[in-house]
């Protein structure tokens, strides 16, 4: 992950946004005063993907999918997707 200072981020904000959205590689904006004030910039599509994964994990859907993957005899057409 590439790192920039807040000053450089301000100067190059448009280019940083273009780079992050086109490459899907996050950019860390590191505070020179306090590491706890640093942030990570990610694209909106990557953020949405993370949120969807967290939702699926928190609701147990990912666990169910892993169970179905482990069952060799399961026919995907027989899965009641509305109950996951």
PDB file of N, CA and C in Angstrom:
ATOM      1  N   UNK A   1       0.856  -1.163   0.000  1.00  0.00           N
ATOM      2  CA  UNK A   1       0.000   0.000   0.000  1.00  0.00           C
ATOM      3  C   UNK A   1       0.905   1.229   0.000  1.00  0.00           C
ATOM      4  N   UNK A   2       0.614   2.105  -0.911  1.00  0.00           N
ATOM      5  CA  UNK A   2       1.372   3.342  -1.004  1.00  0.00           C
ATOM      6  C   UNK A   2       0.939   4.308   0.103  1.00  0.00           C
ATOM      7  N   UNK A   3       1.877   5.137   0.556  1.00  0.00           N
ATOM      8  CA  UNK A   3       1.608   6.084   1.635  1.00  0.00           C
ATOM      9  C   UNK A   3       1.955   7.494   1.174  1.00  0.00           C
ATOM     10  N   UNK A   4       1.101   8.442   1.532  1.00  0.00           N
ATOM     11  CA  UNK A   4       1.367   9.852   1.251  1.00  0.00           C
ATOM     12  C   UNK A   4       1.082  10.668   2.506  1.00  0.00           C
ATOM     13  N   UNK A   5       1.646  11.840   2.560  1.00  0.00           N
ATOM     14  CA  UNK A   5       1.372  12.751   3.665  1.00  0.00           C
ATOM     15  C   UNK A   5       0.098  13.532   3.347  1.00  0.00           C
ATOM     16  N   UNK A   6      -0.540  14.099   4.360  1.00  0.00           N
ATOM     17  CA  UNK A   6      -1.727  14.908   4.095  1.00  0.00           C
ATOM     18  C   UNK A   6      -1.453  16.069   3.131  1.00  0.00           C
ATOM     19  N   UNK A   7      -0.294  16.677   3.235  1.00  0.00           N
ATOM     20  CA  UNK A   7       0.047  17.792   2.342  1.00  0.00           C
ATOM     21  C   UNK A   7       0.097  17.322   0.896  1.00  0.00           C
ATOM     22  N   UNK A   8       0.772  16.183   0.657  1.00  0.00           N
ATOM     23  CA  UNK A   8       0.838  15.653  -0.710  1.00  0.00           C
ATOM     24  C   UNK A   8      -0.526  15.166  -1.184  1.00  0.00           C
ATOM     25  N   UNK A   9      -1.323  14.638  -0.268  1.00  0.00           N
ATOM     26  CA  UNK A   9      -2.672  14.197  -0.634  1.00  0.00           C
ATOM     27  C   UNK A   9      -3.514  15.389  -1.083  1.00  0.00           C
ATOM     28  N   UNK A  10      -3.400  16.502  -0.377  1.00  0.00           N
ATOM     29  CA  UNK A  10      -4.139  17.714  -0.780  1.00  0.00           C
ATOM     30  C   UNK A  10      -3.701  18.185  -2.160  1.00  0.00           C
ATOM     31  N   UNK A  11      -2.409  18.188  -2.388  1.00  0.00           N
ATOM     32  CA  UNK A  11      -1.883  18.665  -3.671  1.00  0.00           C
ATOM     33  C   UNK A  11      -2.285  17.762  -4.833  1.00  0.00           C
ATOM     34  N   UNK A  12      -2.412  16.469  -4.566  1.00  0.00           N
ATOM     35  CA  UNK A  12      -2.634  15.496  -5.641  1.00  0.00           C
ATOM     36  C   UNK A  12      -3.927  14.714  -5.467  1.00  0.00           C
ATOM     37  N   UNK A  13      -4.927  15.291  -4.822  1.00  0.00           N
ATOM     38  CA  UNK A  13      -6.139  14.552  -4.485  1.00  0.00           C
ATOM     39  C   UNK A  13      -6.784  13.924  -5.711  1.00  0.00           C
ATOM     40  N   UNK A  14      -6.949  14.666  -6.786  1.00  0.00           N
ATOM     41  CA  UNK A  14      -7.602  14.127  -7.974  1.00  0.00           C
ATOM     42  C   UNK A  14      -6.826  12.926  -8.522  1.00  0.00           C
ATOM     43  N   UNK A  15      -5.511  13.040  -8.611  1.00  0.00           N
ATOM     44  CA  UNK A  15      -4.690  11.934  -9.129  1.00  0.00           C
ATOM     45  C   UNK A  15      -4.735  10.720  -8.208  1.00  0.00           C
ATOM     46  N   UNK A  16      -4.764  10.956  -6.901  1.00  0.00           N
ATOM     47  CA  UNK A  16      -4.848   9.854  -5.947  1.00  0.00           C
ATOM     48  C   UNK A  16      -6.184   9.127  -6.113  1.00  0.00           C
ATOM     49  N   UNK A  17      -7.264   9.876  -6.234  1.00  0.00           N
ATOM     50  CA  UNK A  17      -8.581   9.277  -6.430  1.00  0.00           C
ATOM     51  C   UNK A  17      -8.590   8.433  -7.698  1.00  0.00           C
ATOM     52  N   UNK A  18      -8.069   8.968  -8.783  1.00  0.00           N
ATOM     53  CA  UNK A  18      -8.022   8.219 -10.048  1.00  0.00           C
ATOM     54  C   UNK A  18      -7.197   6.938  -9.893  1.00  0.00           C
ATOM     55  N   UNK A  19      -6.072   7.026  -9.215  1.00  0.00           N
ATOM     56  CA  UNK A  19      -5.186   5.874  -9.048  1.00  0.00           C
ATOM     57  C   UNK A  19      -5.860   4.797  -8.195  1.00  0.00           C
ATOM     58  N   UNK A  20      -6.488   5.207  -7.095  1.00  0.00           N
ATOM     59  CA  UNK A  20      -7.137   4.251  -6.191  1.00  0.00           C
ATOM     60  C   UNK A  20      -8.315   3.569  -6.884  1.00  0.00           C
ATOM     61  N   UNK A  21      -9.112   4.332  -7.614  1.00  0.00           N
ATOM     62  CA  UNK A  21     -10.291   3.737  -8.258  1.00  0.00           C
ATOM     63  C   UNK A  21      -9.908   2.862  -9.449  1.00  0.00           C
ATOM     64  N   UNK A  22      -8.862   3.202 -10.156  1.00  0.00           N
ATOM     65  CA  UNK A  22      -8.492   2.412 -11.333  1.00  0.00           C
ATOM     66  C   UNK A  22      -7.707   1.158 -10.974  1.00  0.00           C
ATOM     67  N   UNK A  23      -6.964   1.186  -9.869  1.00  0.00           N
ATOM     68  CA  UNK A  23      -6.108   0.047  -9.517  1.00  0.00           C
ATOM     69  C   UNK A  23      -6.671  -0.831  -8.401  1.00  0.00           C
ATOM     70  N   UNK A  24      -7.662  -0.328  -7.682  1.00  0.00           N
ATOM     71  CA  UNK A  24      -8.205  -1.020  -6.505  1.00  0.00           C
ATOM     72  C   UNK A  24      -7.140  -1.271  -5.441  1.00  0.00           C
ATOM     73  N   UNK A  25      -6.111  -0.451  -5.451  1.00  0.00           N
ATOM     74  CA  UNK A  25      -5.083  -0.532  -4.416  1.00  0.00           C
ATOM     75  C   UNK A  25      -5.299   0.637  -3.456  1.00  0.00           C
ATOM     76  N   UNK A  26      -5.472   0.345  -2.158  1.00  0.00           N
ATOM     77  CA  UNK A  26      -5.711   1.431  -1.198  1.00  0.00           C
ATOM     78  C   UNK A  26      -4.514   2.359  -1.076  1.00  0.00           C
ATOM     79  N   UNK A  27      -4.786   3.562  -0.617  1.00  0.00           N
ATOM     80  CA  UNK A  27      -3.745   4.567  -0.395  1.00  0.00           C
ATOM     81  C   UNK A  27      -3.848   5.014   1.061  1.00  0.00           C
ATOM     82  N   UNK A  28      -2.733   4.961   1.776  1.00  0.00           N
ATOM     83  CA  UNK A  28      -2.716   5.424   3.159  1.00  0.00           C
ATOM     84  C   UNK A  28      -2.265   6.876   3.203  1.00  0.00           C
ATOM     85  N   UNK A  29      -3.039   7.696   3.892  1.00  0.00           N
ATOM     86  CA  UNK A  29      -2.666   9.088   4.126  1.00  0.00           C
ATOM     87  C   UNK A  29      -2.228   9.145   5.584  1.00  0.00           C
ATOM     88  N   UNK A  30      -0.921   9.262   5.777  1.00  0.00           N
ATOM     89  CA  UNK A  30      -0.322   9.123   7.087  1.00  0.00           C
ATOM     90  C   UNK A  30      -0.096  10.477   7.737  1.00  0.00           C
ATOM     91  N   UNK A  31      -0.635  10.626   8.932  1.00  0.00           N
ATOM     92  CA  UNK A  31      -0.412  11.839   9.699  1.00  0.00           C
ATOM     93  C   UNK A  31       1.035  11.878  10.164  1.00  0.00           C
ATOM     94  N   UNK A  32       1.669  13.017  10.013  1.00  0.00           N
ATOM     95  CA  UNK A  32       3.055  13.155  10.464  1.00  0.00           C
ATOM     96  C   UNK A  32       3.119  13.406  11.964  1.00  0.00           C
ATOM     97  N   UNK A  33       1.987  13.762  12.567  1.00  0.00           N
ATOM     98  CA  UNK A  33       1.966  14.072  13.995  1.00  0.00           C
ATOM     99  C   UNK A  33       1.529  12.886  14.846  1.00  0.00           C
ATOM    100  N   UNK A  34       0.514  12.155  14.397  1.00  0.00           N
ATOM    101  CA  UNK A  34      -0.058  11.080  15.199  1.00  0.00           C
ATOM    102  C   UNK A  34      -0.524   9.950  14.289  1.00  0.00           C
ATOM    103  N   UNK A  35       0.065   8.778  14.463  1.00  0.00           N
ATOM    104  CA  UNK A  35      -0.278   7.628  13.618  1.00  0.00           C
ATOM    105  C   UNK A  35      -1.759   7.266  13.716  1.00  0.00           C
ATOM    106  N   UNK A  36      -2.392   7.536  14.857  1.00  0.00           N
ATOM    107  CA  UNK A  36      -3.811   7.240  15.034  1.00  0.00           C
ATOM    108  C   UNK A  36      -4.715   8.154  14.211  1.00  0.00           C
ATOM    109  N   UNK A  37      -4.160   9.178  13.627  1.00  0.00           N
ATOM    110  CA  UNK A  37      -4.930  10.085  12.782  1.00  0.00           C
ATOM    111  C   UNK A  37      -4.742   9.797  11.301  1.00  0.00           C
ATOM    112  N   UNK A  38      -4.119   8.688  10.987  1.00  0.00           N
ATOM    113  CA  UNK A  38      -3.943   8.290   9.591  1.00  0.00           C
ATOM    114  C   UNK A  38      -5.230   7.664   9.073  1.00  0.00           C
ATOM    115  N   UNK A  39      -5.402   7.703   7.762  1.00  0.00           N
ATOM    116  CA  UNK A  39      -6.585   7.125   7.127  1.00  0.00           C
ATOM    117  C   UNK A  39      -6.159   6.301   5.919  1.00  0.00           C
ATOM    118  N   UNK A  40      -7.066   5.453   5.472  1.00  0.00           N
ATOM    119  CA  UNK A  40      -6.842   4.667   4.265  1.00  0.00           C
ATOM    120  C   UNK A  40      -7.954   5.002   3.286  1.00  0.00           C
ATOM    121  N   UNK A  41      -7.577   5.340   2.060  1.00  0.00           N
ATOM    122  CA  UNK A  41      -8.551   5.647   1.019  1.00  0.00           C
ATOM    123  C   UNK A  41      -8.704   4.416   0.137  1.00  0.00           C
ATOM    124  N   UNK A  42      -9.970   3.986  -0.035  1.00  0.00           N
ATOM    125  CA  UNK A  42     -10.264   2.890  -0.949  1.00  0.00           C
ATOM    126  C   UNK A  42     -11.378   3.332  -1.885  1.00  0.00           C
ATOM    127  N   UNK A  43     -11.520   2.619  -2.977  1.00  0.00           N
ATOM    128  CA  UNK A  43     -12.561   2.967  -3.938  1.00  0.00           C
ATOM    129  C   UNK A  43     -13.929   2.610  -3.375  1.00  0.00           C
ATOM    130  N   UNK A  44     -14.952   3.273  -3.869  1.00  0.00           N
ATOM    131  CA  UNK A  44     -16.323   3.001  -3.448  1.00  0.00           C
ATOM    132  C   UNK A  44     -16.708   1.560  -3.751  1.00  0.00           C
ATOM    133  N   UNK A  45     -16.304   1.043  -4.901  1.00  0.00           N
ATOM    134  CA  UNK A  45     -16.657  -0.347  -5.245  1.00  0.00           C
ATOM    135  C   UNK A  45     -15.974  -1.334  -4.300  1.00  0.00           C
ATOM    136  N   UNK A  46     -14.741  -1.056  -3.905  1.00  0.00           N
ATOM    137  CA  UNK A  46     -14.067  -1.930  -2.942  1.00  0.00           C
ATOM    138  C   UNK A  46     -14.752  -1.843  -1.575  1.00  0.00           C
ATOM    139  N   UNK A  47     -15.146  -0.645  -1.171  1.00  0.00           N
ATOM    140  CA  UNK A  47     -15.862  -0.464   0.091  1.00  0.00           C
ATOM    141  C   UNK A  47     -17.174  -1.257   0.085  1.00  0.00           C
ATOM    142  N   UNK A  48     -17.915  -1.165  -1.019  1.00  0.00           N
ATOM    143  CA  UNK A  48     -19.176  -1.901  -1.125  1.00  0.00           C
ATOM    144  C   UNK A  48     -18.945  -3.413  -1.042  1.00  0.00           C
ATOM    145  N   UNK A  49     -17.877  -3.891  -1.673  1.00  0.00           N
ATOM    146  CA  UNK A  49     -17.562  -5.319  -1.637  1.00  0.00           C
ATOM    147  C   UNK A  49     -17.224  -5.769  -0.214  1.00  0.00           C
ATOM    148  N   UNK A  50     -16.483  -4.954   0.504  1.00  0.00           N
ATOM    149  CA  UNK A  50     -16.151  -5.269   1.900  1.00  0.00           C
ATOM    150  C   UNK A  50     -17.416  -5.310   2.743  1.00  0.00           C
ATOM    151  N   UNK A  51     -18.293  -4.331   2.554  1.00  0.00           N
ATOM    152  CA  UNK A  51     -19.536  -4.292   3.319  1.00  0.00           C
ATOM    153  C   UNK A  51     -20.417  -5.505   3.023  1.00  0.00           C
ATOM    154  N   UNK A  52     -20.481  -5.909   1.764  1.00  0.00           N
ATOM    155  CA  UNK A  52     -21.282  -7.078   1.394  1.00  0.00           C
ATOM    156  C   UNK A  52     -20.714  -8.347   2.025  1.00  0.00           C
ATOM    157  N   UNK A  53     -19.391  -8.482   1.996  1.00  0.00           N
ATOM    158  CA  UNK A  53     -18.756  -9.649   2.602  1.00  0.00           C
ATOM    159  C   UNK A  53     -19.012  -9.695   4.103  1.00  0.00           C
ATOM    160  N   UNK A  54     -18.889  -8.552   4.767  1.00  0.00           N
ATOM    161  CA  UNK A  54     -19.160  -8.501   6.209  1.00  0.00           C
ATOM    162  C   UNK A  54     -20.606  -8.866   6.508  1.00  0.00           C
ATOM    163  N   UNK A  55     -21.529  -8.378   5.695  1.00  0.00           N
ATOM    164  CA  UNK A  55     -22.941  -8.696   5.891  1.00  0.00           C
ATOM    165  C   UNK A  55     -23.175 -10.200   5.745  1.00  0.00           C
ATOM    166  N   UNK A  56     -22.622 -10.786   4.692  1.00  0.00           N
ATOM    167  CA  UNK A  56     -22.794 -12.218   4.462  1.00  0.00           C
ATOM    168  C   UNK A  56     -22.170 -13.040   5.594  1.00  0.00           C
ATOM    169  N   UNK A  57     -21.032 -12.581   6.086  1.00  0.00           N
ATOM    170  CA  UNK A  57     -20.380 -13.278   7.190  1.00  0.00           C
ATOM    171  C   UNK A  57     -21.204 -13.149   8.469  1.00  0.00           C
ATOM    172  N   UNK A  58     -21.679 -11.955   8.761  1.00  0.00           N
ATOM    173  CA  UNK A  58     -22.427 -11.720  10.000  1.00  0.00           C
ATOM    174  C   UNK A  58     -23.779 -12.419  10.020  1.00  0.00           C
ATOM    175  N   UNK A  59     -24.372 -12.647   8.864  1.00  0.00           N
ATOM    176  CA  UNK A  59     -25.678 -13.297   8.816  1.00  0.00           C
ATOM    177  C   UNK A  59     -25.566 -14.812   8.647  1.00  0.00           C
ATOM    178  N   UNK A  60     -24.339 -15.328   8.539  1.00  0.00           N
ATOM    179  CA  UNK A  60     -24.134 -16.768   8.441  1.00  0.00           C
ATOM    180  C   UNK A  60     -24.210 -17.325   7.036  1.00  0.00           C
ATOM    181  N   UNK A  61     -24.442 -16.485   6.058  1.00  0.00           N
ATOM    182  CA  UNK A  61     -24.573 -16.967   4.680  1.00  0.00           C
ATOM    183  C   UNK A  61     -23.255 -17.573   4.182  1.00  0.00           C
ATOM    184  N   UNK A  62     -22.141 -16.960   4.497  1.00  0.00           N
ATOM    185  CA  UNK A  62     -20.860 -17.508   4.032  1.00  0.00           C
ATOM    186  C   UNK A  62     -20.597 -18.879   4.626  1.00  0.00           C
ATOM    187  N   UNK A  63     -20.961 -19.083   5.885  1.00  0.00           N
ATOM    188  CA  UNK A  63     -20.791 -20.401   6.494  1.00  0.00           C
ATOM    189  C   UNK A  63     -21.635 -21.445   5.767  1.00  0.00           C
ATOM    190  N   UNK A  64     -22.863 -21.079   5.425  1.00  0.00           N
ATOM    191  CA  UNK A  64     -23.743 -22.008   4.698  1.00  0.00           C
ATOM    192  C   UNK A  64     -23.170 -22.339   3.324  1.00  0.00           C
ATOM    193  N   UNK A  65     -22.652 -21.340   2.651  1.00  0.00           N
ATOM    194  CA  UNK A  65     -22.055 -21.573   1.328  1.00  0.00           C
ATOM    195  C   UNK A  65     -20.867 -22.513   1.451  1.00  0.00           C
ATOM    196  N   UNK A  66     -20.029 -22.309   2.462  1.00  0.00           N
ATOM    197  CA  UNK A  66     -18.891 -23.211   2.670  1.00  0.00           C
ATOM    198  C   UNK A  66     -19.358 -24.631   2.961  1.00  0.00           C
ATOM    199  N   UNK A  67     -20.450 -24.777   3.690  1.00  0.00           N
ATOM    200  CA  UNK A  67     -20.998 -26.114   3.940  1.00  0.00           C
ATOM    201  C   UNK A  67     -21.422 -26.769   2.625  1.00  0.00           C
ATOM    202  N   UNK A  68     -22.109 -26.015   1.779  1.00  0.00           N
ATOM    203  CA  UNK A  68     -22.540 -26.553   0.490  1.00  0.00           C
ATOM    204  C   UNK A  68     -21.356 -26.893  -0.404  1.00  0.00           C
ATOM    205  N   UNK A  69     -20.285 -26.123  -0.330  1.00  0.00           N
ATOM    206  CA  UNK A  69     -19.101 -26.407  -1.134  1.00  0.00           C
ATOM    207  C   UNK A  69     -18.465 -27.737  -0.717  1.00  0.00           C
ATOM    208  N   UNK A  70     -18.538 -28.050   0.570  1.00  0.00           N
ATOM    209  CA  UNK A  70     -17.928 -29.270   1.086  1.00  0.00           C
ATOM    210  C   UNK A  70     -18.755 -30.518   0.780  1.00  0.00           C
ATOM    211  N   UNK A  71     -20.030 -30.334   0.460  1.00  0.00           N
ATOM    212  CA  UNK A  71     -20.899 -31.469   0.163  1.00  0.00           C
ATOM    213  C   UNK A  71     -20.841 -31.778  -1.332  1.00  0.00           C
ATOM    214  N   UNK A  72     -20.278 -32.927  -1.655  1.00  0.00           N
ATOM    215  CA  UNK A  72     -20.103 -33.291  -3.063  1.00  0.00           C
ATOM    216  C   UNK A  72     -21.413 -33.651  -3.742  1.00  0.00           C
ATOM    217  N   UNK A  73     -22.413 -34.073  -2.981  1.00  0.00           N
ATOM    218  CA  UNK A  73     -23.651 -34.532  -3.586  1.00  0.00           C
ATOM    219  C   UNK A  73     -24.702 -33.434  -3.690  1.00  0.00           C
ATOM    220  N   UNK A  74     -24.430 -32.264  -3.167  1.00  0.00           N
ATOM    221  CA  UNK A  74     -25.419 -31.175  -3.177  1.00  0.00           C
ATOM    222  C   UNK A  74     -25.600 -30.630  -4.591  1.00  0.00           C
ATOM    223  N   UNK A  75     -26.824 -30.560  -5.020  1.00  0.00           N
ATOM    224  CA  UNK A  75     -27.151 -29.961  -6.307  1.00  0.00           C
ATOM    225  C   UNK A  75     -27.557 -28.511  -6.030  1.00  0.00           C
ATOM    226  N   UNK A  76     -26.878 -27.567  -6.639  1.00  0.00           N
ATOM    227  CA  UNK A  76     -27.150 -26.163  -6.359  1.00  0.00           C
ATOM    228  C   UNK A  76     -28.581 -25.768  -6.680  1.00  0.00           C
ATOM    229  N   UNK A  77     -29.194 -26.443  -7.625  1.00  0.00           N
ATOM    230  CA  UNK A  77     -30.591 -26.139  -7.965  1.00  0.00           C
ATOM    231  C   UNK A  77     -31.547 -26.482  -6.849  1.00  0.00           C
ATOM    232  N   UNK A  78     -31.114 -27.355  -5.935  1.00  0.00           N
ATOM    233  CA  UNK A  78     -31.980 -27.769  -4.826  1.00  0.00           C
ATOM    234  C   UNK A  78     -31.850 -26.873  -3.603  1.00  0.00           C
ATOM    235  N   UNK A  79     -30.948 -25.915  -3.631  1.00  0.00           N
ATOM    236  CA  UNK A  79     -30.742 -25.032  -2.485  1.00  0.00           C
ATOM    237  C   UNK A  79     -31.847 -23.979  -2.455  1.00  0.00           C
ATOM    238  N   UNK A  80     -32.461 -23.808  -1.310  1.00  0.00           N
ATOM    239  CA  UNK A  80     -33.457 -22.750  -1.131  1.00  0.00           C
ATOM    240  C   UNK A  80     -32.712 -21.480  -0.733  1.00  0.00           C
ATOM    241  N   UNK A  81     -32.348 -20.668  -1.709  1.00  0.00           N
ATOM    242  CA  UNK A  81     -31.522 -19.486  -1.492  1.00  0.00           C
ATOM    243  C   UNK A  81     -32.227 -18.451  -0.605  1.00  0.00           C
ATOM    244  N   UNK A  82     -33.527 -18.473  -0.547  1.00  0.00           N
ATOM    245  CA  UNK A  82     -34.234 -17.488   0.284  1.00  0.00           C
ATOM    246  C   UNK A  82     -34.088 -17.781   1.771  1.00  0.00           C
ATOM    247  N   UNK A  83     -33.636 -18.976   2.133  1.00  0.00           N
ATOM    248  CA  UNK A  83     -33.464 -19.307   3.555  1.00  0.00           C
ATOM    249  C   UNK A  83     -32.043 -19.115   4.030  1.00  0.00           C
ATOM    250  N   UNK A  84     -31.134 -18.740   3.161  1.00  0.00           N
ATOM    251  CA  UNK A  84     -29.746 -18.528   3.586  1.00  0.00           C
ATOM    252  C   UNK A  84     -29.598 -17.281   4.392  1.00  0.00           C
TER     253      UNK A  84
END
